[in-house]
Amino acid sequence: MAHFANTDFLTVAEVADQMRVSKMTVYRLIHSGELPAVRFGRSYRVPEVAVEEYVRAAVTGNRSETA
């Protein structure tokens, strides 16, 4: 597993707000493996850098790079 010592994590709601999508869409991205996430108890946290990379790949049309 990747080393997350200096990583900022976002909640699913924060990711949804940043990406302007629903929380359900974020959960779908997590469960499909398109967006990496770490489970803390009953909730997920998404590395902020993963969101940035996903959005960058979506804008440039290179989504396969994030998977």
Protein backbone atom coordinates (compact mmCIF):
# COMPACT_ATOMS: atom_id res chain seq x y z
CA MET A 1 0.00 0.00 0.00
CA ALA A 2 1.17 3.52 -0.76
CA HIS A 3 2.75 5.63 1.95
CA PHE A 4 0.29 8.32 3.11
CA ALA A 5 2.30 10.06 5.87
CA ASN A 6 2.10 13.54 4.33
CA THR A 7 -1.13 13.07 2.41
CA ASP A 8 -4.21 15.19 2.91
CA PHE A 9 -7.45 13.23 2.74
CA LEU A 10 -10.89 14.42 1.71
CA THR A 11 -14.28 13.05 2.69
CA VAL A 12 -16.65 11.76 0.02
CA ALA A 13 -18.76 14.91 0.49
CA GLU A 14 -15.71 17.15 -0.01
CA VAL A 15 -14.73 15.27 -3.17
CA ALA A 16 -18.29 15.57 -4.49
CA ASP A 17 -18.27 19.32 -3.83
CA GLN A 18 -14.92 19.79 -5.57
CA MET A 19 -15.94 17.73 -8.59
CA ARG A 20 -19.49 19.14 -8.68
CA VAL A 21 -21.03 15.65 -8.65
CA SER A 22 -23.18 13.72 -6.20
CA LYS A 23 -21.77 11.69 -3.34
CA MET A 24 -23.20 8.58 -5.05
CA THR A 25 -21.05 9.31 -8.10
CA VAL A 26 -17.97 9.50 -5.89
CA TYR A 27 -18.89 6.18 -4.25
CA ARG A 28 -19.27 4.62 -7.72
CA LEU A 29 -15.82 5.88 -8.72
CA ILE A 30 -14.36 4.43 -5.52
CA HIS A 31 -16.06 1.04 -5.90
CA SER A 32 -15.11 0.77 -9.58
CA GLY A 33 -11.47 1.46 -8.72
CA GLU A 34 -11.31 4.66 -10.77
CA LEU A 35 -10.71 6.76 -7.66
CA PRO A 36 -8.49 5.33 -4.90
CA ALA A 37 -9.75 5.62 -1.34
CA VAL A 38 -8.89 4.42 2.14
CA ARG A 39 -11.55 3.13 4.46
CA PHE A 40 -11.55 4.55 7.99
CA GLY A 41 -14.15 2.71 10.03
CA ARG A 42 -17.42 3.08 8.16
CA SER A 43 -16.33 5.97 5.95
CA TYR A 44 -13.99 6.50 3.02
CA ARG A 45 -11.27 9.10 2.68
CA VAL A 46 -9.80 10.00 -0.70
CA PRO A 47 -6.25 11.31 -1.07
CA GLU A 48 -6.44 14.89 -2.32
CA VAL A 49 -3.76 14.21 -4.93
CA ALA A 50 -5.88 11.34 -6.33
CA VAL A 51 -8.77 13.74 -6.93
CA GLU A 52 -6.45 16.19 -8.68
CA GLU A 53 -5.03 13.41 -10.88
CA TYR A 54 -8.49 12.07 -11.71
CA VAL A 55 -9.77 15.50 -12.73
CA ARG A 56 -6.63 16.23 -14.75
CA ALA A 57 -6.96 12.90 -16.57
CA ALA A 58 -10.67 13.50 -17.22
CA VAL A 59 -9.98 16.94 -18.67
CA THR A 60 -7.23 15.67 -20.96
CA GLY A 61 -9.16 12.53 -21.90
CA ASN A 62 -6.61 10.11 -20.40
CA ARG A 63 -8.66 8.39 -17.69
CA SER A 64 -6.81 5.10 -18.12
CA GLU A 65 -3.72 6.70 -16.55
CA THR A 66 -5.47 6.89 -13.15
CA ALA A 67 -6.64 3.29 -13.05
